[in-house]
């Protein structure tokens, strides 16, 4: 896949793709990044994912409109993800990302009528953050959300740097710990259902686990 797309690096292209992960803001570079699945580049079909890079103010793009499942059509400049750093490039390849784009123009967004399952998993994570934010300070809410879901979007730089410097940043990565904690929490909410309808209880817990890791 990468070899087929490598020849396009450095030029402009008309791109059609589908959002697979909603945009996140990278404070280090001051830009939003979004993972999308390629449909076509200059009218030709390609397999693999593309990394969208844009500055919200400069490109006049509202990240909230880039929901999972939405189809995007735009023109942009193509670049090699990871640059000359083989380690970073290999990471992107593990994510099936072979190319990136910036300078996005003439963006057209087609709303998805039937959202993929990943959309609902993402909405669940955001709902967890909102719940924490209603009861704790923004810093605490972001920290708790990261511990439970692995989503570091709302973690303050101060807290993240502290964990990184102490070598414990891995606690905020998705792991079996999150699955255990969240499943126990959901089990407590459904404890009455467990006693009366074990089959339904098991089914709901299974669906919850599935959505948590989409």
Protein backbone atom coordinates (compact mmCIF):
# COMPACT_ATOMS: atom_id res chain seq x y z
CA UNK A 1 0.00 0.00 0.00
CA UNK A 2 2.74 2.44 0.95
CA UNK A 3 4.67 1.86 -2.29
CA UNK A 4 1.56 2.69 -4.30
CA UNK A 5 1.07 5.96 -2.44
CA UNK A 6 4.73 6.99 -2.03
CA UNK A 7 4.90 8.36 -5.56
CA UNK A 8 2.17 10.88 -4.69
CA UNK A 9 4.12 12.47 -1.81
CA UNK A 10 4.96 16.12 -2.33
CA UNK A 11 2.09 16.88 -4.67
CA UNK A 12 -1.53 17.99 -4.38
CA UNK A 13 -4.45 15.63 -4.84
CA UNK A 14 -8.21 15.36 -4.68
CA UNK A 15 -9.03 12.96 -1.87
CA UNK A 16 -12.15 11.11 -0.75
CA UNK A 17 -12.01 9.31 2.60
CA UNK A 18 -14.12 8.23 5.57
CA UNK A 19 -13.44 9.35 9.15
CA UNK A 20 -12.33 6.47 11.40
CA UNK A 21 -11.13 8.46 14.43
CA UNK A 22 -12.33 11.93 15.40
CA UNK A 23 -9.74 14.75 15.39
CA UNK A 24 -7.49 15.22 18.41
CA UNK A 25 -5.45 18.31 19.14
CA UNK A 26 -1.67 17.90 19.42
CA UNK A 27 -0.42 20.65 21.71
CA UNK A 28 3.22 20.12 20.75
CA UNK A 29 2.58 20.94 17.09
CA UNK A 30 -0.53 23.08 17.55
CA UNK A 31 -2.49 21.08 15.01
CA UNK A 32 -5.42 18.69 14.81
CA UNK A 33 -4.88 15.17 13.51
CA UNK A 34 -7.54 12.81 12.24
CA UNK A 35 -7.39 9.22 10.98
CA UNK A 36 -9.49 8.39 7.93
CA UNK A 37 -9.89 5.45 5.56
CA UNK A 38 -8.96 6.19 1.96
CA UNK A 39 -11.53 5.78 -0.78
CA UNK A 40 -9.89 7.50 -3.74
CA UNK A 41 -6.92 9.73 -4.56
CA UNK A 42 -7.37 11.69 -7.79
CA UNK A 43 -10.17 9.34 -8.70
CA UNK A 44 -8.17 6.13 -8.22
CA UNK A 45 -9.07 3.65 -5.50
CA UNK A 46 -6.54 3.01 -2.73
CA UNK A 47 -6.55 0.81 0.37
CA UNK A 48 -5.24 2.01 3.71
CA UNK A 49 -5.66 4.98 5.99
CA UNK A 50 -4.63 8.61 5.69
CA UNK A 51 -3.67 11.06 8.42
CA UNK A 52 -5.39 14.43 8.12
CA UNK A 53 -3.41 17.34 9.56
CA UNK A 54 -4.92 20.78 9.88
CA UNK A 55 -4.96 23.98 11.88
CA UNK A 56 -8.55 24.78 12.82
CA UNK A 57 -8.20 28.56 12.43
CA UNK A 58 -6.15 28.49 9.25
CA UNK A 59 -8.14 25.82 7.45
CA UNK A 60 -11.50 27.06 8.80
CA UNK A 61 -12.53 23.53 9.73
CA UNK A 62 -14.73 22.67 12.68
CA UNK A 63 -13.33 19.45 14.21
CA UNK A 64 -16.75 18.74 15.74
CA UNK A 65 -18.14 18.19 12.24
CA UNK A 66 -15.71 15.35 11.55
CA UNK A 67 -17.71 12.58 13.17
CA UNK A 68 -16.75 8.93 12.76
CA UNK A 69 -18.41 7.57 9.63
CA UNK A 70 -18.65 10.90 7.79
CA UNK A 71 -17.32 10.90 4.23
CA UNK A 72 -14.90 13.72 3.34
CA UNK A 73 -14.04 15.11 -0.06
CA UNK A 74 -11.29 17.73 -0.36
CA UNK A 75 -8.02 18.75 -1.99
CA UNK A 76 -4.78 18.76 -0.05
CA UNK A 77 -1.00 18.37 -0.13
CA UNK A 78 0.38 14.89 0.52
CA UNK A 79 3.33 14.07 2.77
CA UNK A 80 5.13 11.01 4.11
CA UNK A 81 4.00 10.23 7.66
CA UNK A 82 6.92 9.82 10.04
CA UNK A 83 9.31 11.58 7.67
CA UNK A 84 12.75 9.97 7.77
CA UNK A 85 12.22 8.53 11.27
CA UNK A 86 11.85 4.80 10.64
CA UNK A 87 10.47 4.13 14.12
CA UNK A 88 7.63 6.62 13.71
CA UNK A 89 6.98 5.51 10.13
CA UNK A 90 6.75 1.88 11.29
CA UNK A 91 4.27 2.92 13.97
CA UNK A 92 2.03 4.53 11.38
CA UNK A 93 2.29 1.46 9.19
CA UNK A 94 1.11 -0.63 12.13
CA UNK A 95 -1.95 1.63 12.15
CA UNK A 96 -2.34 1.04 8.40
CA UNK A 97 -1.54 4.73 7.79
CA UNK A 98 0.67 5.20 4.74
CA UNK A 99 0.33 8.87 3.91
CA UNK A 100 -0.75 12.21 5.36
CA UNK A 101 -2.32 15.38 4.04
CA UNK A 102 -2.33 19.06 5.06
CA UNK A 103 -3.45 22.37 3.57
CA UNK A 104 -6.96 20.97 3.24
CA UNK A 105 -9.22 23.04 0.96
CA UNK A 106 -12.69 22.80 -0.54
CA UNK A 107 -13.79 20.37 2.15
CA UNK A 108 -17.18 18.76 1.65
CA UNK A 109 -18.66 16.61 4.41
CA UNK A 110 -21.33 13.99 3.80
CA UNK A 111 -23.06 13.01 7.03
CA UNK A 112 -23.22 9.28 7.67
CA UNK A 113 -26.79 8.01 7.94
CA UNK A 114 -25.93 4.83 9.82
CA UNK A 115 -22.97 5.29 12.15
CA UNK A 116 -20.36 2.51 12.53
CA UNK A 117 -19.91 0.90 15.94
CA UNK A 118 -16.74 2.92 16.57
CA UNK A 119 -18.84 6.09 16.72
CA UNK A 120 -20.84 4.84 19.69
CA UNK A 121 -17.74 3.70 21.54
CA UNK A 122 -16.31 7.18 21.10
CA UNK A 123 -19.54 8.80 22.29
CA UNK A 124 -19.43 6.59 25.39
CA UNK A 125 -15.93 7.83 26.23
CA UNK A 126 -17.06 11.44 25.84
CA UNK A 127 -20.09 10.82 28.05
CA UNK A 128 -17.80 9.43 30.76
CA UNK A 129 -15.70 12.61 30.60
CA UNK A 130 -18.78 14.86 30.80
CA UNK A 131 -20.00 12.96 33.84
CA UNK A 132 -16.65 13.37 35.59
CA UNK A 133 -16.49 17.05 34.62
CA UNK A 134 -19.88 17.67 36.26
CA UNK A 135 -18.55 16.34 39.55
CA UNK A 136 -14.83 17.18 39.55
CA UNK A 137 -12.43 19.85 38.36
CA UNK A 138 -11.44 19.72 34.65
CA UNK A 139 -7.94 18.45 35.55
CA UNK A 140 -9.30 15.65 37.73
CA UNK A 141 -11.99 14.78 35.17
CA UNK A 142 -9.39 14.48 32.39
CA UNK A 143 -7.14 12.32 34.57
CA UNK A 144 -9.95 9.96 35.61
CA UNK A 145 -11.14 9.64 32.02
CA UNK A 146 -7.65 8.66 30.90
CA UNK A 147 -7.37 6.06 33.66
CA UNK A 148 -10.72 4.49 32.80
CA UNK A 149 -10.73 4.68 29.01
CA UNK A 150 -7.17 5.40 27.90
CA UNK A 151 -8.35 8.62 26.19
CA UNK A 152 -5.72 11.29 27.02
CA UNK A 153 -7.47 14.07 25.09
CA UNK A 154 -8.54 15.89 28.26
CA UNK A 155 -5.39 15.31 30.35
CA UNK A 156 -3.56 18.53 31.25
CA UNK A 157 0.08 18.92 30.20
CA UNK A 158 1.07 19.23 33.85
CA UNK A 159 -0.44 15.90 34.84
CA UNK A 160 0.73 14.03 31.76
CA UNK A 161 4.31 15.32 32.10
CA UNK A 162 4.33 14.24 35.76
CA UNK A 163 3.28 10.70 34.85
CA UNK A 164 5.71 10.58 31.92
CA UNK A 165 8.64 11.75 34.07
CA UNK A 166 7.80 9.17 36.75
CA UNK A 167 7.57 6.37 34.19
CA UNK A 168 3.90 5.65 34.90
CA UNK A 169 2.30 7.13 31.79
CA UNK A 170 1.41 3.57 30.70
CA UNK A 171 -1.39 3.68 33.29
CA UNK A 172 -3.26 5.98 30.91
CA UNK A 173 -3.06 3.53 28.01
CA UNK A 174 -5.93 1.16 27.18
CA UNK A 175 -5.26 -2.12 28.96
CA UNK A 176 -6.87 -4.99 30.79
CA UNK A 177 -7.05 -2.77 33.86
CA UNK A 178 -9.55 -0.48 32.15
CA UNK A 179 -11.64 -3.42 31.04
CA UNK A 180 -11.73 -4.79 34.57
CA UNK A 181 -12.62 -1.49 36.26
CA UNK A 182 -15.30 -0.54 33.75
CA UNK A 183 -16.85 -4.01 33.76
CA UNK A 184 -17.05 -4.02 37.55
CA UNK A 185 -18.64 -0.57 37.47
CA UNK A 186 -21.22 -1.62 34.88
CA UNK A 187 -21.88 -4.83 36.84
CA UNK A 188 -22.75 -2.78 39.91
CA UNK A 189 -25.21 -0.70 37.89
CA UNK A 190 -26.90 -3.84 36.58
CA UNK A 191 -26.70 -5.91 39.74
CA UNK A 192 -30.49 -6.15 40.15
CA UNK A 193 -30.81 -7.32 36.57
CA UNK A 194 -28.19 -10.01 37.20
CA UNK A 195 -30.31 -11.64 39.89
CA UNK A 196 -33.49 -11.77 37.79
CA UNK A 197 -32.30 -12.08 34.18
CA UNK A 198 -28.80 -13.56 34.03
CA UNK A 199 -28.90 -14.04 30.26
CA UNK A 200 -29.78 -10.41 29.58
CA UNK A 201 -27.21 -9.28 32.17
CA UNK A 202 -24.44 -11.27 30.47
CA UNK A 203 -25.47 -9.95 27.04
CA UNK A 204 -25.38 -6.32 28.16
CA UNK A 205 -21.99 -6.73 29.82
CA UNK A 206 -20.61 -8.34 26.65
CA UNK A 207 -21.91 -5.48 24.50
CA UNK A 208 -20.42 -2.95 26.92
CA UNK A 209 -16.99 -4.59 26.71
CA UNK A 210 -17.21 -4.68 22.92
CA UNK A 211 -18.01 -0.96 22.67
CA UNK A 212 -15.28 0.01 25.12
CA UNK A 213 -12.55 -1.29 22.82
CA UNK A 214 -13.90 -0.14 19.46
